[in-house]
Amino acid sequence: MLFALLLVGYRSGLGFWYYLSVVVAALLMAWHQWLARDRQPAGCFAAFLNNHLIGLAVFIGIVLHYTFNPALPA
């Protein structure tokens, strides 16, 4: 998934904010793996309940890119 996000960002011409958001998404994925490391129901459920944060991080990166990029085509 991370490779696909990087490829999409490259092909779309997205910049620093997007790639920073992909790094944040990767850190969130690592955190979810940590929560579910013992395969206990509580940890897995906590990771499941917080998986929307990955999409939110990428979305915020896209918004920040289009907000602060001064060289957008008209």
PDB file of N, CA and C in Angstrom:
ATOM      1  N   MET A   1       0.821  -1.184   0.000  1.00  0.00           N
ATOM      2  CA  MET A   1       0.000   0.000   0.000  1.00  0.00           C
ATOM      3  C   MET A   1       0.868   1.252   0.000  1.00  0.00           C
ATOM      4  N   LEU A   2       1.939   1.219   0.779  1.00  0.00           N
ATOM      5  CA  LEU A   2       2.823   2.394   0.816  1.00  0.00           C
ATOM      6  C   LEU A   2       3.466   2.640  -0.546  1.00  0.00           C
ATOM      7  N   PHE A   3       3.863   1.573  -1.206  1.00  0.00           N
ATOM      8  CA  PHE A   3       4.441   1.735  -2.540  1.00  0.00           C
ATOM      9  C   PHE A   3       3.416   2.326  -3.497  1.00  0.00           C
ATOM     10  N   ALA A   4       2.181   1.861  -3.405  1.00  0.00           N
ATOM     11  CA  ALA A   4       1.123   2.395  -4.273  1.00  0.00           C
ATOM     12  C   ALA A   4       0.879   3.878  -3.984  1.00  0.00           C
ATOM     13  N   LEU A   5       0.878   4.269  -2.718  1.00  0.00           N
ATOM     14  CA  LEU A   5       0.710   5.681  -2.367  1.00  0.00           C
ATOM     15  C   LEU A   5       1.866   6.521  -2.914  1.00  0.00           C
ATOM     16  N   LEU A   6       3.072   6.009  -2.805  1.00  0.00           N
ATOM     17  CA  LEU A   6       4.223   6.736  -3.339  1.00  0.00           C
ATOM     18  C   LEU A   6       4.143   6.861  -4.857  1.00  0.00           C
ATOM     19  N   LEU A   7       3.727   5.800  -5.520  1.00  0.00           N
ATOM     20  CA  LEU A   7       3.602   5.821  -6.975  1.00  0.00           C
ATOM     21  C   LEU A   7       2.529   6.804  -7.423  1.00  0.00           C
ATOM     22  N   VAL A   8       1.402   6.801  -6.747  1.00  0.00           N
ATOM     23  CA  VAL A   8       0.325   7.737  -7.073  1.00  0.00           C
ATOM     24  C   VAL A   8       0.777   9.175  -6.859  1.00  0.00           C
ATOM     25  N   GLY A   9       1.484   9.423  -5.757  1.00  0.00           N
ATOM     26  CA  GLY A   9       1.982  10.770  -5.489  1.00  0.00           C
ATOM     27  C   GLY A   9       2.975  11.232  -6.534  1.00  0.00           C
ATOM     28  N   TYR A  10       3.836  10.331  -6.964  1.00  0.00           N
ATOM     29  CA  TYR A  10       4.820  10.678  -7.989  1.00  0.00           C
ATOM     30  C   TYR A  10       4.136  10.976  -9.321  1.00  0.00           C
ATOM     31  N   ARG A  11       3.215  10.101  -9.709  1.00  0.00           N
ATOM     32  CA  ARG A  11       2.535  10.268 -10.997  1.00  0.00           C
ATOM     33  C   ARG A  11       1.615  11.487 -11.017  1.00  0.00           C
ATOM     34  N   SER A  12       1.117  11.890  -9.843  1.00  0.00           N
ATOM     35  CA  SER A  12       0.236  13.054  -9.759  1.00  0.00           C
ATOM     36  C   SER A  12       0.994  14.356  -9.557  1.00  0.00           C
ATOM     37  N   GLY A  13       2.286  14.270  -9.344  1.00  0.00           N
ATOM     38  CA  GLY A  13       3.081  15.470  -9.147  1.00  0.00           C
ATOM     39  C   GLY A  13       2.892  16.105  -7.780  1.00  0.00           C
ATOM     40  N   LEU A  14       2.547  15.300  -6.797  1.00  0.00           N
ATOM     41  CA  LEU A  14       2.354  15.834  -5.452  1.00  0.00           C
ATOM     42  C   LEU A  14       3.715  16.071  -4.806  1.00  0.00           C
ATOM     43  N   GLY A  15       3.748  16.945  -3.814  1.00  0.00           N
ATOM     44  CA  GLY A  15       5.023  17.364  -3.256  1.00  0.00           C
ATOM     45  C   GLY A  15       5.244  16.954  -1.809  1.00  0.00           C
ATOM     46  N   PHE A  16       6.002  17.813  -1.119  1.00  0.00           N
ATOM     47  CA  PHE A  16       6.482  17.542   0.226  1.00  0.00           C
ATOM     48  C   PHE A  16       5.377  17.148   1.199  1.00  0.00           C
ATOM     49  N   TRP A  17       4.288  17.897   1.226  1.00  0.00           N
ATOM     50  CA  TRP A  17       3.226  17.638   2.195  1.00  0.00           C
ATOM     51  C   TRP A  17       2.620  16.255   2.000  1.00  0.00           C
ATOM     52  N   TYR A  18       2.476  15.842   0.762  1.00  0.00           N
ATOM     53  CA  TYR A  18       1.916  14.518   0.495  1.00  0.00           C
ATOM     54  C   TYR A  18       2.866  13.426   0.979  1.00  0.00           C
ATOM     55  N   TYR A  19       4.134  13.569   0.657  1.00  0.00           N
ATOM     56  CA  TYR A  19       5.095  12.545   1.058  1.00  0.00           C
ATOM     57  C   TYR A  19       5.272  12.508   2.568  1.00  0.00           C
ATOM     58  N   LEU A  20       5.159  13.648   3.225  1.00  0.00           N
ATOM     59  CA  LEU A  20       5.181  13.670   4.683  1.00  0.00           C
ATOM     60  C   LEU A  20       3.976  12.922   5.238  1.00  0.00           C
ATOM     61  N   SER A  21       2.828  13.079   4.599  1.00  0.00           N
ATOM     62  CA  SER A  21       1.638  12.369   5.063  1.00  0.00           C
ATOM     63  C   SER A  21       1.771  10.863   4.851  1.00  0.00           C
ATOM     64  N   VAL A  22       2.472  10.441   3.811  1.00  0.00           N
ATOM     65  CA  VAL A  22       2.692   9.007   3.597  1.00  0.00           C
ATOM     66  C   VAL A  22       3.607   8.456   4.698  1.00  0.00           C
ATOM     67  N   VAL A  23       4.582   9.248   5.118  1.00  0.00           N
ATOM     68  CA  VAL A  23       5.442   8.829   6.231  1.00  0.00           C
ATOM     69  C   VAL A  23       4.611   8.698   7.509  1.00  0.00           C
ATOM     70  N   VAL A  24       3.736   9.658   7.750  1.00  0.00           N
ATOM     71  CA  VAL A  24       2.853   9.584   8.923  1.00  0.00           C
ATOM     72  C   VAL A  24       1.959   8.351   8.821  1.00  0.00           C
ATOM     73  N   ALA A  25       1.448   8.063   7.633  1.00  0.00           N
ATOM     74  CA  ALA A  25       0.615   6.866   7.443  1.00  0.00           C
ATOM     75  C   ALA A  25       1.420   5.599   7.737  1.00  0.00           C
ATOM     76  N   ALA A  26       2.677   5.579   7.325  1.00  0.00           N
ATOM     77  CA  ALA A  26       3.523   4.417   7.605  1.00  0.00           C
ATOM     78  C   ALA A  26       3.741   4.253   9.104  1.00  0.00           C
ATOM     79  N   LEU A  27       3.930   5.353   9.804  1.00  0.00           N
ATOM     80  CA  LEU A  27       4.078   5.283  11.256  1.00  0.00           C
ATOM     81  C   LEU A  27       2.799   4.797  11.924  1.00  0.00           C
ATOM     82  N   LEU A  28       1.667   5.233  11.414  1.00  0.00           N
ATOM     83  CA  LEU A  28       0.387   4.752  11.947  1.00  0.00           C
ATOM     84  C   LEU A  28       0.206   3.258  11.687  1.00  0.00           C
ATOM     85  N   MET A  29       0.640   2.798  10.525  1.00  0.00           N
ATOM     86  CA  MET A  29       0.559   1.367  10.225  1.00  0.00           C
ATOM     87  C   MET A  29       1.430   0.564  11.185  1.00  0.00           C
ATOM     88  N   ALA A  30       2.619   1.092  11.483  1.00  0.00           N
ATOM     89  CA  ALA A  30       3.497   0.417  12.443  1.00  0.00           C
ATOM     90  C   ALA A  30       2.851   0.385  13.827  1.00  0.00           C
ATOM     91  N   TRP A  31       2.188   1.478  14.201  1.00  0.00           N
ATOM     92  CA  TRP A  31       1.500   1.525  15.487  1.00  0.00           C
ATOM     93  C   TRP A  31       0.369   0.493  15.531  1.00  0.00           C
ATOM     94  N   HIS A  32      -0.354   0.349  14.434  1.00  0.00           N
ATOM     95  CA  HIS A  32      -1.424  -0.647  14.387  1.00  0.00           C
ATOM     96  C   HIS A  32      -0.858  -2.058  14.511  1.00  0.00           C
ATOM     97  N   GLN A  33       0.277  -2.306  13.875  1.00  0.00           N
ATOM     98  CA  GLN A  33       0.921  -3.613  14.027  1.00  0.00           C
ATOM     99  C   GLN A  33       1.309  -3.848  15.480  1.00  0.00           C
ATOM    100  N   TRP A  34       1.783  -2.787  16.146  1.00  0.00           N
ATOM    101  CA  TRP A  34       2.164  -2.905  17.553  1.00  0.00           C
ATOM    102  C   TRP A  34       0.939  -3.206  18.427  1.00  0.00           C
ATOM    103  N   LEU A  35      -0.170  -2.549  18.136  1.00  0.00           N
ATOM    104  CA  LEU A  35      -1.384  -2.809  18.910  1.00  0.00           C
ATOM    105  C   LEU A  35      -1.842  -4.259  18.766  1.00  0.00           C
ATOM    106  N   ALA A  36      -1.710  -4.823  17.596  1.00  0.00           N
ATOM    107  CA  ALA A  36      -2.207  -6.175  17.317  1.00  0.00           C
ATOM    108  C   ALA A  36      -1.115  -7.235  17.413  1.00  0.00           C
ATOM    109  N   ARG A  37       0.011  -6.891  17.999  1.00  0.00           N
ATOM    110  CA  ARG A  37       1.162  -7.801  17.997  1.00  0.00           C
ATOM    111  C   ARG A  37       0.894  -9.128  18.694  1.00  0.00           C
ATOM    112  N   ASP A  38       0.075  -9.137  19.745  1.00  0.00           N
ATOM    113  CA  ASP A  38      -0.198 -10.374  20.475  1.00  0.00           C
ATOM    114  C   ASP A  38      -1.439 -11.098  19.977  1.00  0.00           C
ATOM    115  N   ARG A  39      -2.105 -10.528  19.013  1.00  0.00           N
ATOM    116  CA  ARG A  39      -3.336 -11.080  18.438  1.00  0.00           C
ATOM    117  C   ARG A  39      -4.431 -11.246  19.483  1.00  0.00           C
ATOM    118  N   GLN A  40      -4.408 -10.380  20.487  1.00  0.00           N
ATOM    119  CA  GLN A  40      -5.463 -10.367  21.483  1.00  0.00           C
ATOM    120  C   GLN A  40      -6.634  -9.548  20.925  1.00  0.00           C
ATOM    121  N   PRO A  41      -7.855  -9.948  21.214  1.00  0.00           N
ATOM    122  CA  PRO A  41      -9.004  -9.233  20.655  1.00  0.00           C
ATOM    123  C   PRO A  41      -9.011  -7.739  20.959  1.00  0.00           C
ATOM    124  N   ALA A  42      -8.622  -7.342  22.149  1.00  0.00           N
ATOM    125  CA  ALA A  42      -8.658  -5.918  22.509  1.00  0.00           C
ATOM    126  C   ALA A  42      -7.684  -5.108  21.650  1.00  0.00           C
ATOM    127  N   GLY A  43      -6.485  -5.623  21.447  1.00  0.00           N
ATOM    128  CA  GLY A  43      -5.494  -4.917  20.630  1.00  0.00           C
ATOM    129  C   GLY A  43      -5.897  -4.860  19.167  1.00  0.00           C
ATOM    130  N   CYS A  44      -6.402  -5.972  18.658  1.00  0.00           N
ATOM    131  CA  CYS A  44      -6.838  -5.997  17.261  1.00  0.00           C
ATOM    132  C   CYS A  44      -8.018  -5.062  17.039  1.00  0.00           C
ATOM    133  N   PHE A  45      -8.931  -5.024  17.995  1.00  0.00           N
ATOM    134  CA  PHE A  45     -10.094  -4.147  17.868  1.00  0.00           C
ATOM    135  C   PHE A  45      -9.681  -2.684  17.954  1.00  0.00           C
ATOM    136  N   ALA A  46      -8.713  -2.372  18.812  1.00  0.00           N
ATOM    137  CA  ALA A  46      -8.215  -0.997  18.906  1.00  0.00           C
ATOM    138  C   ALA A  46      -7.569  -0.570  17.589  1.00  0.00           C
ATOM    139  N   ALA A  47      -6.800  -1.462  16.973  1.00  0.00           N
ATOM    140  CA  ALA A  47      -6.193  -1.151  15.678  1.00  0.00           C
ATOM    141  C   ALA A  47      -7.277  -0.955  14.616  1.00  0.00           C
ATOM    142  N   PHE A  48      -8.302  -1.798  14.644  1.00  0.00           N
ATOM    143  CA  PHE A  48      -9.400  -1.683  13.689  1.00  0.00           C
ATOM    144  C   PHE A  48     -10.141  -0.360  13.850  1.00  0.00           C
ATOM    145  N   LEU A  49     -10.378   0.037  15.084  1.00  0.00           N
ATOM    146  CA  LEU A  49     -11.112   1.278  15.327  1.00  0.00           C
ATOM    147  C   LEU A  49     -10.319   2.523  14.923  1.00  0.00           C
ATOM    148  N   ASN A  50      -9.003   2.413  14.857  1.00  0.00           N
ATOM    149  CA  ASN A  50      -8.172   3.562  14.535  1.00  0.00           C
ATOM    150  C   ASN A  50      -7.640   3.539  13.103  1.00  0.00           C
ATOM    151  N   ASN A  51      -8.102   2.614  12.264  1.00  0.00           N
ATOM    152  CA  ASN A  51      -7.553   2.531  10.916  1.00  0.00           C
ATOM    153  C   ASN A  51      -7.952   3.702  10.037  1.00  0.00           C
ATOM    154  N   HIS A  52      -8.975   4.452  10.420  1.00  0.00           N
ATOM    155  CA  HIS A  52      -9.368   5.626   9.636  1.00  0.00           C
ATOM    156  C   HIS A  52      -8.310   6.729   9.697  1.00  0.00           C
ATOM    157  N   LEU A  53      -7.433   6.673  10.678  1.00  0.00           N
ATOM    158  CA  LEU A  53      -6.399   7.701  10.805  1.00  0.00           C
ATOM    159  C   LEU A  53      -5.407   7.659   9.640  1.00  0.00           C
ATOM    160  N   ILE A  54      -5.206   6.498   9.055  1.00  0.00           N
ATOM    161  CA  ILE A  54      -4.301   6.382   7.906  1.00  0.00           C
ATOM    162  C   ILE A  54      -4.869   7.162   6.726  1.00  0.00           C
ATOM    163  N   GLY A  55      -6.117   6.944   6.421  1.00  0.00           N
ATOM    164  CA  GLY A  55      -6.757   7.684   5.332  1.00  0.00           C
ATOM    165  C   GLY A  55      -6.817   9.172   5.615  1.00  0.00           C
ATOM    166  N   LEU A  56      -7.060   9.529   6.869  1.00  0.00           N
ATOM    167  CA  LEU A  56      -7.099  10.937   7.248  1.00  0.00           C
ATOM    168  C   LEU A  56      -5.740  11.594   7.047  1.00  0.00           C
ATOM    169  N   ALA A  57      -4.674  10.900   7.397  1.00  0.00           N
ATOM    170  CA  ALA A  57      -3.330  11.454   7.229  1.00  0.00           C
ATOM    171  C   ALA A  57      -3.030  11.718   5.756  1.00  0.00           C
ATOM    172  N   VAL A  58      -3.374  10.770   4.897  1.00  0.00           N
ATOM    173  CA  VAL A  58      -3.120  10.945   3.465  1.00  0.00           C
ATOM    174  C   VAL A  58      -3.998  12.064   2.906  1.00  0.00           C
ATOM    175  N   PHE A  59      -5.240  12.121   3.319  1.00  0.00           N
ATOM    176  CA  PHE A  59      -6.141  13.180   2.872  1.00  0.00           C
ATOM    177  C   PHE A  59      -5.615  14.552   3.274  1.00  0.00           C
ATOM    178  N   ILE A  60      -5.162  14.688   4.508  1.00  0.00           N
ATOM    179  CA  ILE A  60      -4.614  15.965   4.966  1.00  0.00           C
ATOM    180  C   ILE A  60      -3.378  16.339   4.156  1.00  0.00           C
ATOM    181  N   GLY A  61      -2.561  15.358   3.811  1.00  0.00           N
ATOM    182  CA  GLY A  61      -1.390  15.642   2.976  1.00  0.00           C
ATOM    183  C   GLY A  61      -1.774  16.178   1.608  1.00  0.00           C
ATOM    184  N   ILE A  62      -2.813  15.631   1.027  1.00  0.00           N
ATOM    185  CA  ILE A  62      -3.277  16.111  -0.279  1.00  0.00           C
ATOM    186  C   ILE A  62      -3.835  17.526  -0.155  1.00  0.00           C
ATOM    187  N   VAL A  63      -4.614  17.771   0.893  1.00  0.00           N
ATOM    188  CA  VAL A  63      -5.174  19.106   1.109  1.00  0.00           C
ATOM    189  C   VAL A  63      -4.057  20.124   1.322  1.00  0.00           C
ATOM    190  N   LEU A  64      -3.068  19.773   2.131  1.00  0.00           N
ATOM    191  CA  LEU A  64      -1.958  20.694   2.373  1.00  0.00           C
ATOM    192  C   LEU A  64      -1.164  20.949   1.098  1.00  0.00           C
ATOM    193  N   HIS A  65      -1.007  19.933   0.271  1.00  0.00           N
ATOM    194  CA  HIS A  65      -0.296  20.128  -0.995  1.00  0.00           C
ATOM    195  C   HIS A  65      -0.999  21.174  -1.846  1.00  0.00           C
ATOM    196  N   TYR A  66      -2.308  21.035  -2.009  1.00  0.00           N
ATOM    197  CA  TYR A  66      -3.044  21.963  -2.863  1.00  0.00           C
ATOM    198  C   TYR A  66      -3.252  23.329  -2.184  1.00  0.00           C
ATOM    199  N   THR A  67      -3.143  23.379  -0.869  1.00  0.00           N
ATOM    200  CA  THR A  67      -3.281  24.648  -0.160  1.00  0.00           C
ATOM    201  C   THR A  67      -2.009  25.477  -0.269  1.00  0.00           C
ATOM    202  N   PHE A  68      -0.852  24.848  -0.121  1.00  0.00           N
ATOM    203  CA  PHE A  68       0.406  25.596  -0.034  1.00  0.00           C
ATOM    204  C   PHE A  68       1.267  25.531  -1.280  1.00  0.00           C
ATOM    205  N   ASN A  69       0.823  24.865  -2.336  1.00  0.00           N
ATOM    206  CA  ASN A  69       1.621  24.795  -3.549  1.00  0.00           C
ATOM    207  C   ASN A  69       1.317  26.007  -4.406  1.00  0.00           C
ATOM    208  N   PRO A  70       2.289  26.924  -4.557  1.00  0.00           N
ATOM    209  CA  PRO A  70       2.018  28.148  -5.309  1.00  0.00           C
ATOM    210  C   PRO A  70       2.021  27.969  -6.820  1.00  0.00           C
ATOM    211  N   ALA A  71       2.505  26.851  -7.315  1.00  0.00           N
ATOM    212  CA  ALA A  71       2.657  26.682  -8.760  1.00  0.00           C
ATOM    213  C   ALA A  71       1.622  25.703  -9.312  1.00  0.00           C
ATOM    214  N   LEU A  72       0.382  25.916  -9.003  1.00  0.00           N
ATOM    215  CA  LEU A  72      -0.664  25.046  -9.527  1.00  0.00           C
ATOM    216  C   LEU A  72      -1.121  25.536 -10.896  1.00  0.00           C
ATOM    217  N   PRO A  73      -1.376  24.610 -11.813  1.00  0.00           N
ATOM    218  CA  PRO A  73      -1.916  25.026 -13.095  1.00  0.00           C
ATOM    219  C   PRO A  73      -3.345  25.537 -12.947  1.00  0.00           C
ATOM    220  N   ALA A  74      -3.688  26.514 -13.758  1.00  0.00           N
ATOM    221  CA  ALA A  74      -5.022  27.128 -13.647  1.00  0.00           C
ATOM    222  C   ALA A  74      -6.085  26.317 -14.316  1.00  0.00           C
TER     223      ALA A  74
END
